[in-house]
Amino acid sequence: MARVSICIEVHLRETGKVTSPIARRHKNVELIIIDESERLNATALEMLRDRYDRDNVAVILIGMPGFEKQFSRFPQLYSRVGFAHEYRPLAEDELQFVLERHWRKLGQTLDPDDFTDAQAIAAIARITRGNFRLIDRLFTQMHRVMRINELNTITDDVVEAARSTLVVGLT
């Protein structure tokens, strides 16, 4: 927070929006976004709560479904939770829409009537269960697998090879 605040302060000075030589420590940071929040330990959560209280900084914690339940063990933090939003899995038509765009990014055209594409779609749906974030991570690995192996077609084998590099449970 100190580094970000200093960078903001320098920028504001250079653009002439702030002329005061006294830095307002951490006051330029208004929002902290933390991904994979379920991995935070009790000390880190307490530090976030303290920062929230002292500096009136907004905090967004992003994590796996149900991770907000672990906050019930930390009443001082839990009492400050405004709301928890759980994104639902993508519906079939939403999944199709997302997959078409991912296919296009890889230089492919998705054809659900093609057997190879249908198998790959089924594998992606099974592995990700419609989790948008997981789909994005999976496609990053699929692109890597295709590039390394000099492949031009997305197959269920490519999907499975990409899955094997991620920390994802099998279903």
N, C-alpha and C. Protein backbone atom coordinates (compact mmCIF):
# COMPACT_ATOMS: atom_id res chain seq x y z
N MET A 1 0.83 -1.19 0.00
CA MET A 1 0.00 0.00 0.00
C MET A 1 0.87 1.25 0.00
N ALA A 2 1.96 1.20 0.74
CA ALA A 2 2.85 2.36 0.80
C ALA A 2 3.44 2.65 -0.58
N ARG A 3 3.89 1.60 -1.27
CA ARG A 3 4.49 1.79 -2.59
C ARG A 3 3.47 2.34 -3.59
N VAL A 4 2.29 1.79 -3.59
CA VAL A 4 1.25 2.26 -4.50
C VAL A 4 0.90 3.71 -4.18
N SER A 5 0.76 4.01 -2.91
CA SER A 5 0.43 5.37 -2.49
C SER A 5 1.51 6.36 -2.92
N ILE A 6 2.77 5.96 -2.78
CA ILE A 6 3.89 6.82 -3.19
C ILE A 6 3.84 7.04 -4.69
N CYS A 7 3.59 6.00 -5.47
CA CYS A 7 3.51 6.15 -6.93
C CYS A 7 2.38 7.10 -7.32
N ILE A 8 1.26 6.99 -6.66
CA ILE A 8 0.14 7.89 -6.94
C ILE A 8 0.52 9.32 -6.58
N GLU A 9 1.16 9.48 -5.43
CA GLU A 9 1.59 10.81 -4.97
C GLU A 9 2.56 11.43 -5.98
N VAL A 10 3.53 10.67 -6.46
CA VAL A 10 4.50 11.17 -7.44
C VAL A 10 3.78 11.59 -8.72
N HIS A 11 2.86 10.76 -9.18
CA HIS A 11 2.11 11.10 -10.39
C HIS A 11 1.30 12.39 -10.19
N LEU A 12 0.64 12.51 -9.05
CA LEU A 12 -0.16 13.71 -8.80
C LEU A 12 0.71 14.96 -8.75
N ARG A 13 1.89 14.82 -8.16
CA ARG A 13 2.82 15.96 -8.13
C ARG A 13 3.29 16.34 -9.53
N GLU A 14 3.64 15.31 -10.33
CA GLU A 14 4.14 15.57 -11.68
C GLU A 14 3.09 16.20 -12.58
N THR A 15 1.84 15.88 -12.35
CA THR A 15 0.76 16.47 -13.16
C THR A 15 0.26 17.78 -12.57
N GLY A 16 0.84 18.21 -11.45
CA GLY A 16 0.47 19.48 -10.84
C GLY A 16 -0.81 19.45 -10.05
N LYS A 17 -1.35 18.27 -9.78
CA LYS A 17 -2.60 18.17 -9.03
C LYS A 17 -2.38 18.23 -7.53
N VAL A 18 -1.14 17.95 -7.08
CA VAL A 18 -0.79 18.03 -5.67
C VAL A 18 0.55 18.75 -5.59
N THR A 19 0.62 19.75 -4.74
CA THR A 19 1.88 20.48 -4.60
C THR A 19 2.48 20.32 -3.22
N SER A 20 1.74 19.70 -2.33
CA SER A 20 2.21 19.51 -0.96
C SER A 20 3.38 18.53 -0.93
N PRO A 21 4.48 18.89 -0.24
CA PRO A 21 5.62 17.97 -0.16
C PRO A 21 5.40 16.84 0.84
N ILE A 22 4.35 16.90 1.63
CA ILE A 22 4.09 15.89 2.67
C ILE A 22 3.19 14.79 2.10
N ALA A 23 3.73 13.59 2.08
CA ALA A 23 2.95 12.45 1.59
C ALA A 23 1.91 12.05 2.62
N ARG A 24 0.75 11.67 2.14
CA ARG A 24 -0.32 11.18 3.01
C ARG A 24 -0.26 9.67 3.02
N ARG A 25 0.57 9.12 3.85
CA ARG A 25 0.83 7.68 3.86
C ARG A 25 -0.43 6.85 3.70
N HIS A 26 -0.44 6.03 2.70
CA HIS A 26 -1.50 5.05 2.42
C HIS A 26 -2.85 5.69 2.09
N LYS A 27 -2.98 6.99 2.13
CA LYS A 27 -4.29 7.60 1.94
C LYS A 27 -4.72 7.60 0.48
N ASN A 28 -3.81 7.34 -0.44
CA ASN A 28 -4.18 7.29 -1.85
C ASN A 28 -4.79 5.96 -2.24
N VAL A 29 -4.62 4.95 -1.42
CA VAL A 29 -5.19 3.64 -1.69
C VAL A 29 -6.57 3.58 -1.04
N GLU A 30 -7.58 3.40 -1.88
CA GLU A 30 -8.95 3.37 -1.39
C GLU A 30 -9.59 1.99 -1.45
N LEU A 31 -8.95 1.09 -2.20
CA LEU A 31 -9.52 -0.24 -2.39
C LEU A 31 -8.40 -1.27 -2.48
N ILE A 32 -8.57 -2.38 -1.78
CA ILE A 32 -7.65 -3.51 -1.86
C ILE A 32 -8.47 -4.70 -2.36
N ILE A 33 -7.98 -5.33 -3.43
CA ILE A 33 -8.63 -6.53 -3.98
C ILE A 33 -7.66 -7.69 -3.81
N ILE A 34 -8.12 -8.73 -3.16
CA ILE A 34 -7.27 -9.89 -2.89
C ILE A 34 -7.92 -11.13 -3.50
N ASP A 35 -7.19 -11.77 -4.40
CA ASP A 35 -7.65 -13.00 -5.02
C ASP A 35 -7.15 -14.19 -4.21
N GLU A 36 -7.82 -15.31 -4.34
CA GLU A 36 -7.49 -16.53 -3.60
C GLU A 36 -7.45 -16.27 -2.09
N SER A 37 -8.43 -15.54 -1.62
CA SER A 37 -8.49 -15.14 -0.21
C SER A 37 -8.61 -16.29 0.76
N GLU A 38 -9.09 -17.43 0.28
CA GLU A 38 -9.22 -18.58 1.19
C GLU A 38 -7.86 -19.06 1.66
N ARG A 39 -6.81 -18.63 0.99
CA ARG A 39 -5.45 -19.03 1.38
C ARG A 39 -4.85 -18.14 2.46
N LEU A 40 -5.53 -17.06 2.82
CA LEU A 40 -5.01 -16.16 3.85
C LEU A 40 -5.08 -16.82 5.22
N ASN A 41 -4.04 -16.61 6.02
CA ASN A 41 -4.06 -17.16 7.38
C ASN A 41 -4.69 -16.13 8.33
N ALA A 42 -4.83 -16.50 9.58
CA ALA A 42 -5.48 -15.65 10.58
C ALA A 42 -4.76 -14.31 10.74
N THR A 43 -3.44 -14.32 10.71
CA THR A 43 -2.68 -13.08 10.87
C THR A 43 -2.95 -12.13 9.72
N ALA A 44 -2.97 -12.65 8.51
CA ALA A 44 -3.23 -11.81 7.34
C ALA A 44 -4.64 -11.24 7.39
N LEU A 45 -5.60 -12.04 7.80
CA LEU A 45 -6.97 -11.55 7.92
C LEU A 45 -7.07 -10.46 8.98
N GLU A 46 -6.38 -10.62 10.07
CA GLU A 46 -6.38 -9.60 11.12
C GLU A 46 -5.73 -8.31 10.62
N MET A 47 -4.66 -8.43 9.84
CA MET A 47 -4.02 -7.23 9.29
C MET A 47 -4.97 -6.50 8.34
N LEU A 48 -5.72 -7.24 7.54
CA LEU A 48 -6.70 -6.61 6.65
C LEU A 48 -7.79 -5.90 7.44
N ARG A 49 -8.28 -6.57 8.48
CA ARG A 49 -9.31 -5.95 9.31
C ARG A 49 -8.80 -4.67 9.93
N ASP A 50 -7.56 -4.69 10.42
CA ASP A 50 -6.96 -3.51 11.03
C ASP A 50 -6.81 -2.38 10.01
N ARG A 51 -6.36 -2.72 8.81
CA ARG A 51 -6.21 -1.70 7.75
C ARG A 51 -7.56 -1.11 7.40
N TYR A 52 -8.58 -1.96 7.33
CA TYR A 52 -9.94 -1.51 7.05
C TYR A 52 -10.39 -0.51 8.12
N ASP A 53 -10.16 -0.85 9.37
CA ASP A 53 -10.58 0.01 10.48
C ASP A 53 -9.80 1.31 10.55
N ARG A 54 -8.48 1.24 10.42
CA ARG A 54 -7.65 2.43 10.59
C ARG A 54 -7.75 3.42 9.44
N ASP A 55 -7.74 2.90 8.21
CA ASP A 55 -7.65 3.78 7.05
C ASP A 55 -8.92 3.87 6.22
N ASN A 56 -9.98 3.20 6.66
CA ASN A 56 -11.24 3.22 5.93
C ASN A 56 -11.03 2.80 4.47
N VAL A 57 -10.25 1.73 4.28
CA VAL A 57 -9.96 1.20 2.95
C VAL A 57 -10.98 0.10 2.66
N ALA A 58 -11.57 0.16 1.48
CA ALA A 58 -12.49 -0.89 1.06
C ALA A 58 -11.69 -2.14 0.70
N VAL A 59 -12.25 -3.31 1.01
CA VAL A 59 -11.57 -4.57 0.75
C VAL A 59 -12.53 -5.50 0.02
N ILE A 60 -12.04 -6.05 -1.09
CA ILE A 60 -12.79 -7.09 -1.82
C ILE A 60 -11.96 -8.36 -1.75
N LEU A 61 -12.57 -9.41 -1.23
CA LEU A 61 -11.90 -10.70 -1.13
C LEU A 61 -12.55 -11.64 -2.15
N ILE A 62 -11.72 -12.23 -3.00
CA ILE A 62 -12.21 -13.15 -4.01
C ILE A 62 -11.67 -14.53 -3.67
N GLY A 63 -12.53 -15.51 -3.71
CA GLY A 63 -12.08 -16.86 -3.38
C GLY A 63 -13.04 -17.91 -3.88
N MET A 64 -12.74 -19.12 -3.52
CA MET A 64 -13.55 -20.25 -3.93
C MET A 64 -14.90 -20.22 -3.22
N PRO A 65 -15.90 -20.84 -3.82
CA PRO A 65 -17.23 -20.85 -3.21
C PRO A 65 -17.20 -21.35 -1.77
N GLY A 66 -17.91 -20.66 -0.90
CA GLY A 66 -18.01 -21.05 0.50
C GLY A 66 -16.89 -20.55 1.39
N PHE A 67 -15.91 -19.85 0.83
CA PHE A 67 -14.79 -19.43 1.68
C PHE A 67 -15.22 -18.39 2.71
N GLU A 68 -16.33 -17.70 2.47
CA GLU A 68 -16.78 -16.70 3.45
C GLU A 68 -17.18 -17.36 4.77
N LYS A 69 -17.47 -18.66 4.74
CA LYS A 69 -17.84 -19.37 5.96
C LYS A 69 -16.67 -19.44 6.94
N GLN A 70 -15.43 -19.44 6.43
CA GLN A 70 -14.28 -19.48 7.32
C GLN A 70 -14.18 -18.19 8.14
N PHE A 71 -14.82 -17.12 7.68
CA PHE A 71 -14.78 -15.86 8.43
C PHE A 71 -15.58 -15.93 9.73
N SER A 72 -16.51 -16.87 9.82
CA SER A 72 -17.30 -16.97 11.04
C SER A 72 -16.42 -17.30 12.24
N ARG A 73 -15.23 -17.83 11.99
CA ARG A 73 -14.27 -18.10 13.08
C ARG A 73 -13.56 -16.82 13.52
N PHE A 74 -13.73 -15.74 12.76
CA PHE A 74 -13.09 -14.46 13.06
C PHE A 74 -14.17 -13.39 13.22
N PRO A 75 -14.81 -13.34 14.39
CA PRO A 75 -15.96 -12.44 14.55
C PRO A 75 -15.64 -10.96 14.28
N GLN A 76 -14.41 -10.53 14.59
CA GLN A 76 -14.08 -9.12 14.36
C GLN A 76 -14.10 -8.81 12.86
N LEU A 77 -13.66 -9.75 12.05
CA LEU A 77 -13.69 -9.54 10.60
C LEU A 77 -15.07 -9.83 10.04
N TYR A 78 -15.68 -10.89 10.50
CA TYR A 78 -16.98 -11.32 9.99
C TYR A 78 -18.03 -10.23 10.17
N SER A 79 -17.95 -9.48 11.27
CA SER A 79 -18.93 -8.42 11.52
C SER A 79 -18.80 -7.27 10.52
N ARG A 80 -17.69 -7.22 9.80
CA ARG A 80 -17.46 -6.14 8.84
C ARG A 80 -17.78 -6.55 7.39
N VAL A 81 -18.14 -7.81 7.18
CA VAL A 81 -18.47 -8.28 5.84
C VAL A 81 -19.80 -7.68 5.43
N GLY A 82 -19.77 -6.92 4.32
CA GLY A 82 -20.98 -6.29 3.83
C GLY A 82 -21.90 -7.29 3.15
N PHE A 83 -21.35 -8.10 2.26
CA PHE A 83 -22.12 -9.14 1.60
C PHE A 83 -21.16 -10.12 0.94
N ALA A 84 -21.68 -11.27 0.64
CA ALA A 84 -20.91 -12.29 -0.09
C ALA A 84 -21.71 -12.64 -1.32
N HIS A 85 -21.05 -12.65 -2.45
CA HIS A 85 -21.72 -12.99 -3.71
C HIS A 85 -21.05 -14.22 -4.31
N GLU A 86 -21.83 -15.21 -4.58
CA GLU A 86 -21.30 -16.42 -5.21
C GLU A 86 -21.81 -16.45 -6.65
N TYR A 87 -20.86 -16.50 -7.59
CA TYR A 87 -21.25 -16.58 -8.99
C TYR A 87 -21.72 -17.99 -9.30
N ARG A 88 -22.83 -18.08 -9.97
CA ARG A 88 -23.37 -19.38 -10.33
C ARG A 88 -22.63 -19.91 -11.55
N PRO A 89 -22.65 -21.21 -11.74
CA PRO A 89 -22.01 -21.77 -12.94
C PRO A 89 -22.71 -21.25 -14.20
N LEU A 90 -21.96 -21.19 -15.29
CA LEU A 90 -22.54 -20.75 -16.55
C LEU A 90 -23.58 -21.75 -17.03
N ALA A 91 -24.69 -21.22 -17.54
CA ALA A 91 -25.70 -22.07 -18.17
C ALA A 91 -25.16 -22.57 -19.50
N GLU A 92 -25.84 -23.53 -20.10
CA GLU A 92 -25.35 -24.15 -21.34
C GLU A 92 -25.13 -23.12 -22.45
N ASP A 93 -26.09 -22.21 -22.65
CA ASP A 93 -25.93 -21.20 -23.70
C ASP A 93 -24.82 -20.20 -23.37
N GLU A 94 -24.66 -19.88 -22.08
CA GLU A 94 -23.57 -18.98 -21.67
C GLU A 94 -22.22 -19.66 -21.87
N LEU A 95 -22.16 -20.94 -21.54
CA LEU A 95 -20.93 -21.70 -21.74
C LEU A 95 -20.57 -21.74 -23.23
N GLN A 96 -21.56 -21.97 -24.06
CA GLN A 96 -21.35 -22.00 -25.51
C GLN A 96 -20.79 -20.65 -25.99
N PHE A 97 -21.35 -19.57 -25.50
CA PHE A 97 -20.92 -18.22 -25.86
C PHE A 97 -19.45 -18.00 -25.47
N VAL A 98 -19.10 -18.37 -24.25
CA VAL A 98 -17.73 -18.20 -23.76
C VAL A 98 -16.76 -19.08 -24.54
N LEU A 99 -17.15 -20.32 -24.79
CA LEU A 99 -16.26 -21.24 -25.51
C LEU A 99 -16.01 -20.79 -26.94
N GLU A 100 -17.02 -20.25 -27.59
CA GLU A 100 -16.83 -19.74 -28.96
C GLU A 100 -15.74 -18.68 -28.99
N ARG A 101 -15.74 -17.81 -28.01
CA ARG A 101 -14.73 -16.75 -27.96
C ARG A 101 -13.34 -17.30 -27.65
N HIS A 102 -13.28 -18.27 -26.74
CA HIS A 102 -11.99 -18.88 -26.43
C HIS A 102 -11.44 -19.65 -27.63
N TRP A 103 -12.31 -20.35 -28.34
CA TRP A 103 -11.89 -21.08 -29.53
C TRP A 103 -11.29 -20.08 -30.53
N ARG A 104 -11.99 -18.94 -30.71
CA ARG A 104 -11.55 -17.93 -31.66
C ARG A 104 -10.19 -17.37 -31.27
N LYS A 105 -9.94 -17.15 -29.95
CA LYS A 105 -8.64 -16.66 -29.49
C LYS A 105 -7.52 -17.62 -29.85
N LEU A 106 -7.85 -18.90 -29.95
CA LEU A 106 -6.85 -19.90 -30.30
C LEU A 106 -6.80 -20.15 -31.81
N GLY A 107 -7.49 -19.28 -32.57
CA GLY A 107 -7.46 -19.39 -34.02
C GLY A 107 -8.33 -20.51 -34.56
N GLN A 108 -9.31 -20.92 -33.79
CA GLN A 108 -10.18 -22.03 -34.17
C GLN A 108 -11.61 -21.53 -34.34
N THR A 109 -12.43 -22.35 -34.97
CA THR A 109 -13.87 -22.08 -35.07
C THR A 109 -14.59 -23.22 -34.37
N LEU A 110 -15.42 -22.89 -33.42
CA LEU A 110 -16.14 -23.91 -32.65
C LEU A 110 -17.36 -24.37 -33.45
N ASP A 111 -17.46 -25.67 -33.64
CA ASP A 111 -18.61 -26.27 -34.31
C ASP A 111 -19.15 -27.37 -33.39
N PRO A 112 -20.20 -27.08 -32.65
CA PRO A 112 -20.74 -28.08 -31.71
C PRO A 112 -21.20 -29.37 -32.37
N ASP A 113 -21.47 -29.32 -33.69
CA ASP A 113 -21.90 -30.53 -34.40
C ASP A 113 -20.72 -31.41 -34.80
N ASP A 114 -19.51 -30.85 -34.75
CA ASP A 114 -18.31 -31.63 -35.05
C ASP A 114 -18.00 -32.53 -33.85
N PHE A 115 -17.73 -33.80 -34.12
CA PHE A 115 -17.52 -34.77 -33.03
C PHE A 115 -16.35 -34.37 -32.14
N THR A 116 -15.24 -33.94 -32.74
CA THR A 116 -14.05 -33.55 -31.96
C THR A 116 -14.36 -32.37 -31.06
N ASP A 117 -15.04 -31.36 -31.61
CA ASP A 117 -15.40 -30.19 -30.80
C ASP A 117 -16.39 -30.57 -29.71
N ALA A 118 -17.35 -31.42 -30.04
CA ALA A 118 -18.35 -31.84 -29.05
C ALA A 118 -17.68 -32.57 -27.89
N GLN A 119 -16.69 -33.41 -28.19
CA GLN A 119 -15.97 -34.11 -27.13
C GLN A 119 -15.19 -33.12 -26.25
N ALA A 120 -14.54 -32.15 -26.90
CA ALA A 120 -13.78 -31.15 -26.14
C ALA A 120 -14.71 -30.31 -25.27
N ILE A 121 -15.86 -29.92 -25.81
CA ILE A 121 -16.84 -29.15 -25.04
C ILE A 121 -17.29 -29.95 -23.83
N ALA A 122 -17.59 -31.23 -24.04
CA ALA A 122 -18.04 -32.09 -22.93
C ALA A 122 -16.95 -32.19 -21.86
N ALA A 123 -15.70 -32.33 -22.28
CA ALA A 123 -14.60 -32.43 -21.32
C ALA A 123 -14.45 -31.12 -20.54
N ILE A 124 -14.55 -29.99 -21.22
CA ILE A 124 -14.43 -28.69 -20.55
C ILE A 124 -15.58 -28.51 -19.56
N ALA A 125 -16.80 -28.84 -19.98
CA ALA A 125 -17.97 -28.71 -19.10
C ALA A 125 -17.81 -29.61 -17.87
N ARG A 126 -17.32 -30.83 -18.07
CA ARG A 126 -17.15 -31.76 -16.95
C ARG A 126 -16.09 -31.26 -15.97
N ILE A 127 -14.97 -30.79 -16.50
CA ILE A 127 -13.85 -30.36 -15.66
C ILE A 127 -14.16 -29.07 -14.91
N THR A 128 -14.76 -28.12 -15.60
CA THR A 128 -14.97 -26.79 -15.00
C THR A 128 -16.32 -26.63 -14.31
N ARG A 129 -17.26 -27.50 -14.66
CA ARG A 129 -18.63 -27.38 -14.14
C ARG A 129 -19.20 -25.99 -14.36
N GLY A 130 -18.78 -25.35 -15.45
CA GLY A 130 -19.30 -24.03 -15.79
C GLY A 130 -18.69 -22.88 -15.02
N ASN A 131 -17.60 -23.13 -14.30
CA ASN A 131 -16.92 -22.08 -13.54
C ASN A 131 -16.13 -21.21 -14.51
N PHE A 132 -16.56 -19.95 -14.65
CA PHE A 132 -15.97 -19.04 -15.63
C PHE A 132 -14.47 -18.87 -15.43
N ARG A 133 -14.07 -18.68 -14.22
CA ARG A 133 -12.66 -18.46 -13.91
C ARG A 133 -11.82 -19.69 -14.25
N LEU A 134 -12.35 -20.84 -13.93
CA LEU A 134 -11.65 -22.08 -14.22
C LEU A 134 -11.55 -22.32 -15.74
N ILE A 135 -12.59 -21.94 -16.46
CA ILE A 135 -12.55 -22.06 -17.93
C ILE A 135 -11.40 -21.21 -18.48
N ASP A 136 -11.26 -20.01 -17.96
CA ASP A 136 -10.19 -19.12 -18.42
C ASP A 136 -8.82 -19.72 -18.11
N ARG A 137 -8.65 -20.24 -16.91
CA ARG A 137 -7.38 -20.87 -16.53
C ARG A 137 -7.09 -22.09 -17.40
N LEU A 138 -8.13 -22.88 -17.66
CA LEU A 138 -7.97 -24.08 -18.48
C LEU A 138 -7.54 -23.72 -19.90
N PHE A 139 -8.15 -22.69 -20.47
CA PHE A 139 -7.80 -22.30 -21.83
C PHE A 139 -6.38 -21.74 -21.92
N THR A 140 -5.92 -21.10 -20.88
CA THR A 140 -4.53 -20.63 -20.86
C THR A 140 -3.60 -21.83 -20.98
N GLN A 141 -3.90 -22.89 -20.24
CA GLN A 141 -3.08 -24.10 -20.30
C GLN A 141 -3.26 -24.84 -21.62
N MET A 142 -4.48 -24.83 -22.16
CA MET A 142 -4.72 -25.48 -23.44
C MET A 142 -3.89 -24.81 -24.54
N HIS A 143 -3.83 -23.49 -24.51
CA HIS A 143 -3.02 -22.76 -25.48
C HIS A 143 -1.56 -23.17 -25.36
N ARG A 144 -1.09 -23.29 -24.12
CA ARG A 144 0.29 -23.71 -23.87
C ARG A 144 0.55 -25.12 -24.41
N VAL A 145 -0.36 -26.04 -24.12
CA VAL A 145 -0.23 -27.43 -24.58
C VAL A 145 -0.21 -27.48 -26.11
N MET A 146 -1.09 -26.74 -26.74
CA MET A 146 -1.16 -26.73 -28.20
C MET A 146 0.12 -26.15 -28.81
N ARG A 147 0.64 -25.10 -28.22
CA ARG A 147 1.86 -24.47 -28.74
C ARG A 147 3.06 -25.41 -28.58
N ILE A 148 3.21 -26.00 -27.40
CA ILE A 148 4.34 -26.90 -27.14
C ILE A 148 4.31 -28.11 -28.07
N ASN A 149 3.13 -28.65 -28.29
CA ASN A 149 2.99 -29.86 -29.10
C ASN A 149 2.69 -29.57 -30.56
N GLU A 150 2.71 -28.29 -30.92
CA GLU A 150 2.46 -27.86 -32.30
C GLU A 150 1.16 -28.44 -32.85
N LEU A 151 0.10 -28.29 -32.06
CA LEU A 151 -1.22 -28.80 -32.45
C LEU A 151 -2.08 -27.66 -32.98
N ASN A 152 -2.99 -27.99 -33.88
CA ASN A 152 -3.87 -26.99 -34.48
C ASN A 152 -5.34 -27.23 -34.18
N THR A 153 -5.63 -28.29 -33.45
CA THR A 153 -7.02 -28.65 -33.17
C THR A 153 -7.21 -28.85 -31.67
N ILE A 154 -8.31 -28.30 -31.17
CA ILE A 154 -8.66 -28.50 -29.77
C ILE A 154 -9.39 -29.83 -29.65
N THR A 155 -8.82 -30.74 -28.90
CA THR A 155 -9.42 -32.07 -28.71
C THR A 155 -9.60 -32.31 -27.22
N ASP A 156 -10.31 -33.39 -26.90
CA ASP A 156 -10.47 -33.74 -25.49
C ASP A 156 -9.12 -34.12 -24.87
N ASP A 157 -8.18 -34.63 -25.67
CA ASP A 157 -6.84 -34.93 -25.16
C ASP A 157 -6.10 -33.65 -24.78
N VAL A 158 -6.27 -32.60 -25.58
CA VAL A 158 -5.66 -31.30 -25.25
C VAL A 158 -6.26 -30.78 -23.95
N VAL A 159 -7.58 -30.89 -23.82
CA VAL A 159 -8.26 -30.44 -22.61
C VAL A 159 -7.75 -31.20 -21.40
N GLU A 160 -7.64 -32.51 -21.52
CA GLU A 160 -7.17 -33.34 -20.39
C GLU A 160 -5.71 -33.03 -20.05
N ALA A 161 -4.88 -32.82 -21.07
CA ALA A 161 -3.48 -32.47 -20.81
C ALA A 161 -3.40 -31.13 -20.08
N ALA A 162 -4.23 -30.19 -20.48
CA ALA A 162 -4.25 -28.88 -19.81
C ALA A 162 -4.76 -29.03 -18.38
N ARG A 163 -5.78 -29.85 -18.18
CA ARG A 163 -6.33 -30.08 -16.84
C ARG A 163 -5.28 -30.65 -15.91
N SER A 164 -4.45 -31.52 -16.44
CA SER A 164 -3.45 -32.17 -15.59
C SER A 164 -2.42 -31.20 -15.04
N THR A 165 -2.30 -30.02 -15.64
CA THR A 165 -1.35 -29.03 -15.14
C THR A 165 -1.98 -28.10 -14.11
N LEU A 166 -3.28 -28.17 -13.96
CA LEU A 166 -3.99 -27.32 -13.00
C LEU A 166 -4.32 -28.10 -11.74
N VAL A 167 -4.54 -27.37 -10.66
CA VAL A 167 -5.00 -27.99 -9.42
C VAL A 167 -6.52 -27.99 -9.48
N VAL A 168 -7.05 -29.03 -10.12
CA VAL A 168 -8.49 -29.14 -10.34
C VAL A 168 -8.89 -30.56 -10.02
N GLY A 169 -9.98 -30.71 -9.28
CA GLY A 169 -10.47 -32.04 -8.97
C GLY A 169 -11.14 -32.68 -10.17
N LEU A 170 -11.10 -33.98 -10.25
CA LEU A 170 -11.77 -34.70 -11.32
C LEU A 170 -13.19 -35.03 -10.90
N THR A 171 -14.11 -34.93 -11.84
CA THR A 171 -15.50 -35.35 -11.61
C THR A 171 -15.99 -36.12 -12.79
